């Protein structure tokens, strides 16, 4: 009886619980951002021009990864609603284990009309596209001009492109369907064309973010340095995204220090500035898409025939 009542209560207040969770994630993100920036000496911060240029690249990157989600959930016909179901849940990444973003994204997609297993399949595919594109572009890390042979392990990242092959992805994601009908099966995964389009958008995402990181780090452009830095950042994104830590916290920075020969302090500083800038952009996109939806809802009430 208690279990039934609990489930009924959770179902009744699901929307409010989700909003509270995302708000908590937002507060945790703000707290983390303030703490990170406060740990950097003012003279070590990148200049305003470089930061603004990096912010533009990061904005384009966030729109690209949001578009990848749209391609994986094509039955959400309205582009604003589709993109909103992704961008509105980004603060959930800062909750413990990062589960808030996954739960929120699936829940909002369901509320927009996507069947539960289809939404779960789209979310898992989206995560796989980010990880796969990151480790694939990460093969560029071999261009980093440093001593040692560890960077050549980056060539293994080329195997990341396998995630775009639907039968292979089904082998990864569809394994759980053998044990529970609630988990996505082969028919719940996006089409091969959708996977290809989403993968291309995620490649654009990691490349744009990698360019922003290189800009904040002050990387040169000669002898493959820029491409190598982008590869290092992409590989760090791919690996850290696969971790259960909130937003890959700490893992990404550690990997960048290992992959790059730019000094620990500059790499950490550039990473912190990038993370804080990304968080600000995520909040701006959340507010932007939510505002557009609210304005449209008000207009539809005032002019139902419009």
C-alpha atoms as a PDB file:
ATOM      1  CA  UNK A   1       0.000   0.000   0.000  1.00  0.00           C
ATOM      2  CA  UNK A   2       2.805   2.387   0.897  1.00  0.00           C
ATOM      3  CA  UNK A   3       4.554   1.639  -2.361  1.00  0.00           C
ATOM      4  CA  UNK A   4       1.383   2.313  -4.327  1.00  0.00           C
ATOM      5  CA  UNK A   5       0.776   5.605  -2.541  1.00  0.00           C
ATOM      6  CA  UNK A   6       4.386   6.654  -3.066  1.00  0.00           C
ATOM      7  CA  UNK A   7       4.231   5.910  -6.773  1.00  0.00           C
ATOM      8  CA  UNK A   8       0.965   7.802  -7.073  1.00  0.00           C
ATOM      9  CA  UNK A   9       2.415  10.817  -5.263  1.00  0.00           C
ATOM     10  CA  UNK A  10       5.553  10.811  -7.411  1.00  0.00           C
ATOM     11  CA  UNK A  11       3.466  10.492 -10.572  1.00  0.00           C
ATOM     12  CA  UNK A  12       1.191  13.343  -9.504  1.00  0.00           C
ATOM     13  CA  UNK A  13       4.009  15.737  -8.683  1.00  0.00           C
ATOM     14  CA  UNK A  14       6.501  14.503 -11.284  1.00  0.00           C
ATOM     15  CA  UNK A  15       6.742  17.882 -13.000  1.00  0.00           C
ATOM     16  CA  UNK A  16       7.347  19.768  -9.771  1.00  0.00           C
ATOM     17  CA  UNK A  17       9.961  17.236  -8.626  1.00  0.00           C
ATOM     18  CA  UNK A  18      11.756  17.586 -11.951  1.00  0.00           C
ATOM     19  CA  UNK A  19      11.786  21.389 -11.714  1.00  0.00           C
ATOM     20  CA  UNK A  20      13.110  21.281  -8.154  1.00  0.00           C
ATOM     21  CA  UNK A  21      15.860  18.880  -9.209  1.00  0.00           C
ATOM     22  CA  UNK A  22      16.893  21.054 -12.161  1.00  0.00           C
ATOM     23  CA  UNK A  23      16.824  24.158  -9.957  1.00  0.00           C
ATOM     24  CA  UNK A  24      19.093  22.382  -7.482  1.00  0.00           C
ATOM     25  CA  UNK A  25      21.427  21.476 -10.333  1.00  0.00           C
ATOM     26  CA  UNK A  26      21.433  25.111 -11.414  1.00  0.00           C
ATOM     27  CA  UNK A  27      22.366  26.262  -7.907  1.00  0.00           C
ATOM     28  CA  UNK A  28      25.139  23.679  -7.684  1.00  0.00           C
ATOM     29  CA  UNK A  29      26.436  24.832 -11.058  1.00  0.00           C
ATOM     30  CA  UNK A  30      26.426  28.483  -9.959  1.00  0.00           C
ATOM     31  CA  UNK A  31      28.192  27.600  -6.712  1.00  0.00           C
ATOM     32  CA  UNK A  32      30.834  25.559  -8.535  1.00  0.00           C
ATOM     33  CA  UNK A  33      31.369  28.294 -11.117  1.00  0.00           C
ATOM     34  CA  UNK A  34      31.888  31.009  -8.496  1.00  0.00           C
ATOM     35  CA  UNK A  35      34.313  28.797  -6.608  1.00  0.00           C
ATOM     36  CA  UNK A  36      36.326  27.973  -9.719  1.00  0.00           C
ATOM     37  CA  UNK A  37      36.669  31.547 -10.930  1.00  0.00           C
ATOM     38  CA  UNK A  38      37.574  32.704  -7.440  1.00  0.00           C
ATOM     39  CA  UNK A  39      40.493  30.290  -7.404  1.00  0.00           C
ATOM     40  CA  UNK A  40      42.183  32.016 -10.361  1.00  0.00           C
ATOM     41  CA  UNK A  41      44.416  35.037  -9.946  1.00  0.00           C
ATOM     42  CA  UNK A  42      43.132  37.982 -12.050  1.00  0.00           C
ATOM     43  CA  UNK A  43      46.414  38.247 -13.961  1.00  0.00           C
ATOM     44  CA  UNK A  44      46.100  34.587 -15.068  1.00  0.00           C
ATOM     45  CA  UNK A  45      42.672  35.028 -16.667  1.00  0.00           C
ATOM     46  CA  UNK A  46      42.476  35.203 -20.489  1.00  0.00           C
ATOM     47  CA  UNK A  47      41.835  38.632 -21.969  1.00  0.00           C
ATOM     48  CA  UNK A  48      38.292  39.865 -22.573  1.00  0.00           C
ATOM     49  CA  UNK A  49      38.611  39.586 -26.371  1.00  0.00           C
ATOM     50  CA  UNK A  50      39.746  35.967 -26.261  1.00  0.00           C
ATOM     51  CA  UNK A  51      37.033  35.104 -23.761  1.00  0.00           C
ATOM     52  CA  UNK A  52      34.301  36.660 -25.912  1.00  0.00           C
ATOM     53  CA  UNK A  53      35.568  34.906 -29.034  1.00  0.00           C
ATOM     54  CA  UNK A  54      35.655  31.617 -27.135  1.00  0.00           C
ATOM     55  CA  UNK A  55      32.111  32.250 -25.869  1.00  0.00           C
ATOM     56  CA  UNK A  56      30.841  32.610 -29.444  1.00  0.00           C
ATOM     57  CA  UNK A  57      32.442  29.298 -30.395  1.00  0.00           C
ATOM     58  CA  UNK A  58      30.997  27.639 -27.285  1.00  0.00           C
ATOM     59  CA  UNK A  59      27.528  28.991 -28.074  1.00  0.00           C
ATOM     60  CA  UNK A  60      27.714  27.497 -31.563  1.00  0.00           C
ATOM     61  CA  UNK A  61      28.926  24.258 -29.999  1.00  0.00           C
ATOM     62  CA  UNK A  62      25.965  24.085 -27.616  1.00  0.00           C
ATOM     63  CA  UNK A  63      23.542  24.739 -30.444  1.00  0.00           C
ATOM     64  CA  UNK A  64      25.231  21.975 -32.448  1.00  0.00           C
ATOM     65  CA  UNK A  65      24.920  19.369 -29.694  1.00  0.00           C
ATOM     66  CA  UNK A  66      21.312  20.471 -29.142  1.00  0.00           C
ATOM     67  CA  UNK A  67      20.643  20.026 -32.858  1.00  0.00           C
ATOM     68  CA  UNK A  68      22.108  16.511 -32.605  1.00  0.00           C
ATOM     69  CA  UNK A  69      19.421  15.707 -30.044  1.00  0.00           C
ATOM     70  CA  UNK A  70      16.783  17.095 -32.393  1.00  0.00           C
ATOM     71  CA  UNK A  71      17.953  14.755 -35.167  1.00  0.00           C
ATOM     72  CA  UNK A  72      17.661  11.780 -32.803  1.00  0.00           C
ATOM     73  CA  UNK A  73      14.121  12.713 -31.784  1.00  0.00           C
ATOM     74  CA  UNK A  74      12.645  13.725 -35.173  1.00  0.00           C
ATOM     75  CA  UNK A  75       9.072  12.914 -34.126  1.00  0.00           C
ATOM     76  CA  UNK A  76       9.176  16.013 -31.920  1.00  0.00           C
ATOM     77  CA  UNK A  77       7.998  18.142 -34.826  1.00  0.00           C
ATOM     78  CA  UNK A  78       8.336  21.556 -33.208  1.00  0.00           C
ATOM     79  CA  UNK A  79      12.032  22.553 -33.306  1.00  0.00           C
ATOM     80  CA  UNK A  80      11.737  24.933 -30.347  1.00  0.00           C
ATOM     81  CA  UNK A  81      10.149  22.280 -28.119  1.00  0.00           C
ATOM     82  CA  UNK A  82      12.657  19.674 -29.269  1.00  0.00           C
ATOM     83  CA  UNK A  83      15.660  21.873 -28.518  1.00  0.00           C
ATOM     84  CA  UNK A  84      14.065  22.991 -25.239  1.00  0.00           C
ATOM     85  CA  UNK A  85      13.815  19.399 -23.979  1.00  0.00           C
ATOM     86  CA  UNK A  86      17.607  19.267 -24.259  1.00  0.00           C
ATOM     87  CA  UNK A  87      18.738  22.729 -23.163  1.00  0.00           C
ATOM     88  CA  UNK A  88      16.292  22.959 -20.252  1.00  0.00           C
ATOM     89  CA  UNK A  89      17.853  19.908 -18.621  1.00  0.00           C
ATOM     90  CA  UNK A  90      21.530  20.867 -18.804  1.00  0.00           C
ATOM     91  CA  UNK A  91      21.733  22.058 -15.151  1.00  0.00           C
ATOM     92  CA  UNK A  92      20.918  18.455 -14.207  1.00  0.00           C
ATOM     93  CA  UNK A  93      24.502  17.542 -15.132  1.00  0.00           C
ATOM     94  CA  UNK A  94      25.673  19.128 -11.892  1.00  0.00           C
ATOM     95  CA  UNK A  95      23.570  16.864  -9.663  1.00  0.00           C
ATOM     96  CA  UNK A  96      25.245  13.823  -8.030  1.00  0.00           C
ATOM     97  CA  UNK A  97      26.203  11.212 -10.645  1.00  0.00           C
ATOM     98  CA  UNK A  98      24.866  13.552 -13.321  1.00  0.00           C
ATOM     99  CA  UNK A  99      21.542  11.687 -13.378  1.00  0.00           C
ATOM    100  CA  UNK A 100      19.416  14.832 -13.363  1.00  0.00           C
ATOM    101  CA  UNK A 101      20.147  15.642 -16.990  1.00  0.00           C
ATOM    102  CA  UNK A 102      19.319  12.147 -18.236  1.00  0.00           C
ATOM    103  CA  UNK A 103      16.122  11.819 -16.204  1.00  0.00           C
ATOM    104  CA  UNK A 104      15.024  15.339 -17.109  1.00  0.00           C
ATOM    105  CA  UNK A 105      15.710  14.954 -20.816  1.00  0.00           C
ATOM    106  CA  UNK A 106      13.728  11.717 -21.047  1.00  0.00           C
ATOM    107  CA  UNK A 107      10.908  13.136 -18.911  1.00  0.00           C
ATOM    108  CA  UNK A 108      10.569  16.330 -20.959  1.00  0.00           C
ATOM    109  CA  UNK A 109      10.708  14.357 -24.213  1.00  0.00           C
ATOM    110  CA  UNK A 110       7.911  12.140 -22.872  1.00  0.00           C
ATOM    111  CA  UNK A 111       5.820  15.171 -21.940  1.00  0.00           C
ATOM    112  CA  UNK A 112       6.318  16.475 -25.497  1.00  0.00           C
ATOM    113  CA  UNK A 113       4.870  13.266 -26.932  1.00  0.00           C
ATOM    114  CA  UNK A 114       7.809  10.881 -27.341  1.00  0.00           C
ATOM    115  CA  UNK A 115       7.160   7.297 -26.106  1.00  0.00           C
ATOM    116  CA  UNK A 116       9.237   6.405 -23.046  1.00  0.00           C
ATOM    117  CA  UNK A 117      11.445   3.756 -24.635  1.00  0.00           C
ATOM    118  CA  UNK A 118      11.935   5.902 -27.737  1.00  0.00           C
ATOM    119  CA  UNK A 119      12.989   8.822 -25.526  1.00  0.00           C
ATOM    120  CA  UNK A 120      15.396   6.570 -23.626  1.00  0.00           C
ATOM    121  CA  UNK A 121      16.810   5.248 -26.902  1.00  0.00           C
ATOM    122  CA  UNK A 122      17.276   8.779 -28.222  1.00  0.00           C
ATOM    123  CA  UNK A 123      19.001   9.890 -25.008  1.00  0.00           C
ATOM    124  CA  UNK A 124      21.350   6.882 -24.967  1.00  0.00           C
ATOM    125  CA  UNK A 125      22.121   7.409 -28.657  1.00  0.00           C
ATOM    126  CA  UNK A 126      22.838  11.083 -28.042  1.00  0.00           C
ATOM    127  CA  UNK A 127      25.265  10.214 -25.257  1.00  0.00           C
ATOM    128  CA  UNK A 128      26.932   7.642 -27.522  1.00  0.00           C
ATOM    129  CA  UNK A 129      27.289  10.196 -30.315  1.00  0.00           C
ATOM    130  CA  UNK A 130      29.009  12.672 -27.971  1.00  0.00           C
ATOM    131  CA  UNK A 131      31.387  10.044 -26.615  1.00  0.00           C
ATOM    132  CA  UNK A 132      32.027   8.549 -30.059  1.00  0.00           C
ATOM    133  CA  UNK A 133      32.654  11.865 -31.798  1.00  0.00           C
ATOM    134  CA  UNK A 134      34.890  13.004 -28.955  1.00  0.00           C
ATOM    135  CA  UNK A 135      37.187   9.998 -29.048  1.00  0.00           C
ATOM    136  CA  UNK A 136      37.201   9.980 -32.859  1.00  0.00           C
ATOM    137  CA  UNK A 137      38.243  13.624 -33.166  1.00  0.00           C
ATOM    138  CA  UNK A 138      40.587  12.837 -30.272  1.00  0.00           C
ATOM    139  CA  UNK A 139      42.769  10.932 -32.732  1.00  0.00           C
ATOM    140  CA  UNK A 140      44.172  14.371 -33.610  1.00  0.00           C
ATOM    141  CA  UNK A 141      46.008  14.274 -30.289  1.00  0.00           C
ATOM    142  CA  UNK A 142      48.823  12.505 -32.142  1.00  0.00           C
ATOM    143  CA  UNK A 143      49.679  15.937 -33.575  1.00  0.00           C
ATOM    144  CA  UNK A 144      50.529  17.331 -30.138  1.00  0.00           C
ATOM    145  CA  UNK A 145      54.267  18.173 -30.307  1.00  0.00           C
ATOM    146  CA  UNK A 146      55.553  16.478 -27.174  1.00  0.00           C
ATOM    147  CA  UNK A 147      57.941  13.704 -26.244  1.00  0.00           C
ATOM    148  CA  UNK A 148      56.768  10.202 -25.486  1.00  0.00           C
ATOM    149  CA  UNK A 149      54.580   7.691 -27.254  1.00  0.00           C
ATOM    150  CA  UNK A 150      51.446   7.830 -25.099  1.00  0.00           C
ATOM    151  CA  UNK A 151      49.798  10.288 -27.446  1.00  0.00           C
ATOM    152  CA  UNK A 152      49.806   7.654 -30.193  1.00  0.00           C
ATOM    153  CA  UNK A 153      47.195   5.791 -28.191  1.00  0.00           C
ATOM    154  CA  UNK A 154      44.859   8.468 -29.501  1.00  0.00           C
ATOM    155  CA  UNK A 155      44.678   6.583 -32.781  1.00  0.00           C
ATOM    156  CA  UNK A 156      42.498   4.049 -30.973  1.00  0.00           C
ATOM    157  CA  UNK A 157      39.930   6.818 -30.905  1.00  0.00           C
ATOM    158  CA  UNK A 158      39.182   6.227 -34.572  1.00  0.00           C
ATOM    159  CA  UNK A 159      37.165   3.245 -33.399  1.00  0.00           C
ATOM    160  CA  UNK A 160      34.754   5.748 -31.846  1.00  0.00           C
ATOM    161  CA  UNK A 161      33.155   6.159 -35.262  1.00  0.00           C
ATOM    162  CA  UNK A 162      31.651   2.680 -34.831  1.00  0.00           C
ATOM    163  CA  UNK A 163      28.884   4.130 -32.648  1.00  0.00           C
ATOM    164  CA  UNK A 164      27.299   5.686 -35.715  1.00  0.00           C
ATOM    165  CA  UNK A 165      26.691   2.202 -37.164  1.00  0.00           C
ATOM    166  CA  UNK A 166      23.181   1.294 -35.997  1.00  0.00           C
ATOM    167  CA  UNK A 167      23.709  -2.484 -35.521  1.00  0.00           C
ATOM    168  CA  UNK A 168      26.803  -1.775 -33.410  1.00  0.00           C
ATOM    169  CA  UNK A 169      24.930   0.828 -31.357  1.00  0.00           C
ATOM    170  CA  UNK A 170      22.105  -1.633 -30.826  1.00  0.00           C
ATOM    171  CA  UNK A 171      24.624  -4.106 -29.473  1.00  0.00           C
ATOM    172  CA  UNK A 172      25.672  -1.499 -26.902  1.00  0.00           C
ATOM    173  CA  UNK A 173      22.324  -0.020 -25.958  1.00  0.00           C
ATOM    174  CA  UNK A 174      19.964  -2.880 -26.732  1.00  0.00           C
ATOM    175  CA  UNK A 175      21.732  -5.343 -24.430  1.00  0.00           C
ATOM    176  CA  UNK A 176      19.563  -4.322 -21.495  1.00  0.00           C
ATOM    177  CA  UNK A 177      16.374  -4.996 -23.457  1.00  0.00           C
ATOM    178  CA  UNK A 178      17.076  -8.697 -23.035  1.00  0.00           C
ATOM    179  CA  UNK A 179      16.396  -8.346 -19.334  1.00  0.00           C
ATOM    180  CA  UNK A 180      13.724  -5.627 -19.193  1.00  0.00           C
ATOM    181  CA  UNK A 181      11.057  -4.570 -21.646  1.00  0.00           C
ATOM    182  CA  UNK A 182      11.235  -1.078 -20.157  1.00  0.00           C
ATOM    183  CA  UNK A 183      14.660  -0.508 -21.738  1.00  0.00           C
ATOM    184  CA  UNK A 184      15.017   0.466 -25.425  1.00  0.00           C
ATOM    185  CA  UNK A 185      15.232  -2.294 -28.015  1.00  0.00           C
ATOM    186  CA  UNK A 186      16.433  -2.142 -31.632  1.00  0.00           C
ATOM    187  CA  UNK A 187      13.176  -0.674 -32.904  1.00  0.00           C
ATOM    188  CA  UNK A 188      13.392   2.138 -30.342  1.00  0.00           C
ATOM    189  CA  UNK A 189      16.715   3.449 -31.658  1.00  0.00           C
ATOM    190  CA  UNK A 190      16.880   6.331 -34.166  1.00  0.00           C
ATOM    191  CA  UNK A 191      17.310   5.591 -37.864  1.00  0.00           C
ATOM    192  CA  UNK A 192      20.720   5.222 -39.479  1.00  0.00           C
ATOM    193  CA  UNK A 193      20.322   8.604 -41.175  1.00  0.00           C
ATOM    194  CA  UNK A 194      19.453  10.268 -37.868  1.00  0.00           C
ATOM    195  CA  UNK A 195      22.528   8.755 -36.249  1.00  0.00           C
ATOM    196  CA  UNK A 196      24.775  10.032 -39.046  1.00  0.00           C
ATOM    197  CA  UNK A 197      23.330  13.541 -38.801  1.00  0.00           C
ATOM    198  CA  UNK A 198      23.609  13.573 -35.007  1.00  0.00           C
ATOM    199  CA  UNK A 199      27.176  12.278 -35.145  1.00  0.00           C
ATOM    200  CA  UNK A 200      28.168  15.034 -37.588  1.00  0.00           C
ATOM    201  CA  UNK A 201      26.590  17.645 -35.302  1.00  0.00           C
ATOM    202  CA  UNK A 202      28.459  16.221 -32.291  1.00  0.00           C
ATOM    203  CA  UNK A 203      31.735  16.323 -34.231  1.00  0.00           C
ATOM    204  CA  UNK A 204      31.040  20.015 -34.866  1.00  0.00           C
ATOM    205  CA  UNK A 205      30.320  20.405 -31.141  1.00  0.00           C
ATOM    206  CA  UNK A 206      33.641  18.948 -29.926  1.00  0.00           C
ATOM    207  CA  UNK A 207      35.646  20.765 -32.624  1.00  0.00           C
ATOM    208  CA  UNK A 208      34.064  24.134 -31.788  1.00  0.00           C
ATOM    209  CA  UNK A 209      34.599  23.606 -28.073  1.00  0.00           C
ATOM    210  CA  UNK A 210      38.145  22.438 -28.757  1.00  0.00           C
ATOM    211  CA  UNK A 211      38.824  25.622 -30.719  1.00  0.00           C
ATOM    212  CA  UNK A 212      37.467  27.658 -27.809  1.00  0.00           C
ATOM    213  CA  UNK A 213      39.713  25.806 -25.366  1.00  0.00           C
ATOM    214  CA  UNK A 214      42.759  26.350 -27.587  1.00  0.00           C
ATOM    215  CA  UNK A 215      41.881  30.039 -27.776  1.00  0.00           C
ATOM    216  CA  UNK A 216      41.636  30.349 -23.990  1.00  0.00           C
ATOM    217  CA  UNK A 217      44.859  28.394 -23.575  1.00  0.00           C
ATOM    218  CA  UNK A 218      46.644  30.653 -26.045  1.00  0.00           C
ATOM    219  CA  UNK A 219      47.752  27.767 -28.249  1.00  0.00           C
ATOM    220  CA  UNK A 220      49.701  28.579 -31.385  1.00  0.00           C
ATOM    221  CA  UNK A 221      48.655  27.414 -34.837  1.00  0.00           C
ATOM    222  CA  UNK A 222      51.893  26.046 -36.255  1.00  0.00           C
ATOM    223  CA  UNK A 223      53.117  22.453 -36.597  1.00  0.00           C
ATOM    224  CA  UNK A 224      49.727  20.958 -35.879  1.00  0.00           C
ATOM    225  CA  UNK A 225      49.573  22.507 -32.414  1.00  0.00           C
ATOM    226  CA  UNK A 226      46.018  23.799 -32.822  1.00  0.00           C
ATOM    227  CA  UNK A 227      44.718  20.539 -34.296  1.00  0.00           C
ATOM    228  CA  UNK A 228      46.499  18.573 -31.578  1.00  0.00           C
ATOM    229  CA  UNK A 229      44.971  20.729 -28.842  1.00  0.00           C
ATOM    230  CA  UNK A 230      41.512  20.286 -30.353  1.00  0.00           C
ATOM    231  CA  UNK A 231      42.129  16.542 -30.449  1.00  0.00           C
ATOM    232  CA  UNK A 232      43.230  16.489 -26.818  1.00  0.00           C
ATOM    233  CA  UNK A 233      40.161  18.423 -25.741  1.00  0.00           C
ATOM    234  CA  UNK A 234      37.808  16.259 -27.825  1.00  0.00           C
ATOM    235  CA  UNK A 235      39.301  13.061 -26.399  1.00  0.00           C
ATOM    236  CA  UNK A 236      38.985  14.424 -22.873  1.00  0.00           C
ATOM    237  CA  UNK A 237      35.329  15.308 -23.536  1.00  0.00           C
ATOM    238  CA  UNK A 238      34.580  11.876 -24.951  1.00  0.00           C
ATOM    239  CA  UNK A 239      36.151  10.021 -22.040  1.00  0.00           C
ATOM    240  CA  UNK A 240      34.846  12.313 -19.280  1.00  0.00           C
ATOM    241  CA  UNK A 241      31.298  12.232 -20.669  1.00  0.00           C
ATOM    242  CA  UNK A 242      31.321   8.479 -20.189  1.00  0.00           C
ATOM    243  CA  UNK A 243      32.113   8.850 -16.464  1.00  0.00           C
ATOM    244  CA  UNK A 244      29.393   8.958 -13.779  1.00  0.00           C
ATOM    245  CA  UNK A 245      30.854  12.121 -12.226  1.00  0.00           C
ATOM    246  CA  UNK A 246      28.770  15.327 -12.428  1.00  0.00           C
ATOM    247  CA  UNK A 247      29.656  16.926 -15.779  1.00  0.00           C
ATOM    248  CA  UNK A 248      32.833  14.816 -15.841  1.00  0.00           C
ATOM    249  CA  UNK A 249      34.180  17.062 -13.089  1.00  0.00           C
ATOM    250  CA  UNK A 250      37.911  16.684 -12.652  1.00  0.00           C
ATOM    251  CA  UNK A 251      38.357  13.896 -15.199  1.00  0.00           C
ATOM    252  CA  UNK A 252      38.442  16.235 -18.176  1.00  0.00           C
ATOM    253  CA  UNK A 253      41.029  18.524 -16.590  1.00  0.00           C
ATOM    254  CA  UNK A 254      43.229  15.600 -15.567  1.00  0.00           C
ATOM    255  CA  UNK A 255      43.184  14.180 -19.087  1.00  0.00           C
ATOM    256  CA  UNK A 256      44.035  17.551 -20.609  1.00  0.00           C
ATOM    257  CA  UNK A 257      47.040  17.892 -18.328  1.00  0.00           C
ATOM    258  CA  UNK A 258      48.162  14.409 -19.402  1.00  0.00           C
ATOM    259  CA  UNK A 259      47.608  14.945 -23.129  1.00  0.00           C
ATOM    260  CA  UNK A 260      49.024  18.458 -23.417  1.00  0.00           C
ATOM    261  CA  UNK A 261      52.490  19.723 -22.708  1.00  0.00           C
ATOM    262  CA  UNK A 262      51.362  23.246 -21.867  1.00  0.00           C
ATOM    263  CA  UNK A 263      51.861  23.236 -18.101  1.00  0.00           C
ATOM    264  CA  UNK A 264      49.350  22.261 -15.440  1.00  0.00           C
ATOM    265  CA  UNK A 265      48.393  25.784 -14.314  1.00  0.00           C
ATOM    266  CA  UNK A 266      47.559  27.198 -17.790  1.00  0.00           C
ATOM    267  CA  UNK A 267      45.554  24.082 -18.713  1.00  0.00           C
ATOM    268  CA  UNK A 268      43.531  24.170 -15.481  1.00  0.00           C
ATOM    269  CA  UNK A 269      42.917  27.913 -15.826  1.00  0.00           C
ATOM    270  CA  UNK A 270      41.696  27.584 -19.423  1.00  0.00           C
ATOM    271  CA  UNK A 271      39.528  24.615 -18.405  1.00  0.00           C
ATOM    272  CA  UNK A 272      37.911  26.522 -15.550  1.00  0.00           C
ATOM    273  CA  UNK A 273      37.171  29.584 -17.683  1.00  0.00           C
ATOM    274  CA  UNK A 274      35.711  27.335 -20.371  1.00  0.00           C
ATOM    275  CA  UNK A 275      33.511  25.435 -17.912  1.00  0.00           C
ATOM    276  CA  UNK A 276      32.172  28.647 -16.367  1.00  0.00           C
ATOM    277  CA  UNK A 277      31.507  30.152 -19.811  1.00  0.00           C
ATOM    278  CA  UNK A 278      29.715  26.996 -20.960  1.00  0.00           C
ATOM    279  CA  UNK A 279      27.577  27.051 -17.828  1.00  0.00           C
ATOM    280  CA  UNK A 280      26.588  30.685 -18.474  1.00  0.00           C
ATOM    281  CA  UNK A 281      25.671  29.781 -22.073  1.00  0.00           C
ATOM    282  CA  UNK A 282      23.644  26.777 -20.900  1.00  0.00           C
ATOM    283  CA  UNK A 283      21.654  29.011 -18.565  1.00  0.00           C
ATOM    284  CA  UNK A 284      21.156  31.593 -21.332  1.00  0.00           C
ATOM    285  CA  UNK A 285      19.865  28.928 -23.735  1.00  0.00           C
ATOM    286  CA  UNK A 286      17.589  27.495 -21.048  1.00  0.00           C
ATOM    287  CA  UNK A 287      16.106  30.940 -20.420  1.00  0.00           C
ATOM    288  CA  UNK A 288      15.948  31.740 -24.138  1.00  0.00           C
ATOM    289  CA  UNK A 289      14.101  28.606 -25.247  1.00  0.00           C
ATOM    290  CA  UNK A 290      11.821  28.700 -22.187  1.00  0.00           C
ATOM    291  CA  UNK A 291      10.938  32.338 -22.916  1.00  0.00           C
ATOM    292  CA  UNK A 292      10.136  31.598 -26.555  1.00  0.00           C
ATOM    293  CA  UNK A 293       7.851  28.733 -25.522  1.00  0.00           C
ATOM    294  CA  UNK A 294       6.127  30.911 -22.923  1.00  0.00           C
ATOM    295  CA  UNK A 295       5.569  33.741 -25.404  1.00  0.00           C
ATOM    296  CA  UNK A 296       4.155  31.314 -27.949  1.00  0.00           C
ATOM    297  CA  UNK A 297       1.847  29.818 -25.315  1.00  0.00           C
ATOM    298  CA  UNK A 298       0.527  33.274 -24.383  1.00  0.00           C
ATOM    299  CA  UNK A 299      -0.047  34.133 -28.035  1.00  0.00           C
ATOM    300  CA  UNK A 300      -1.921  30.877 -28.648  1.00  0.00           C
ATOM    301  CA  UNK A 301      -4.273  31.660 -25.730  1.00  0.00           C
ATOM    302  CA  UNK A 302      -4.885  35.216 -26.937  1.00  0.00           C
ATOM    303  CA  UNK A 303      -5.302  34.203 -30.571  1.00  0.00           C
ATOM    304  CA  UNK A 304      -6.303  30.514 -30.726  1.00  0.00           C
ATOM    305  CA  UNK A 305      -7.090  30.771 -34.445  1.00  0.00           C
ATOM    306  CA  UNK A 306      -3.816  32.539 -35.262  1.00  0.00           C
END
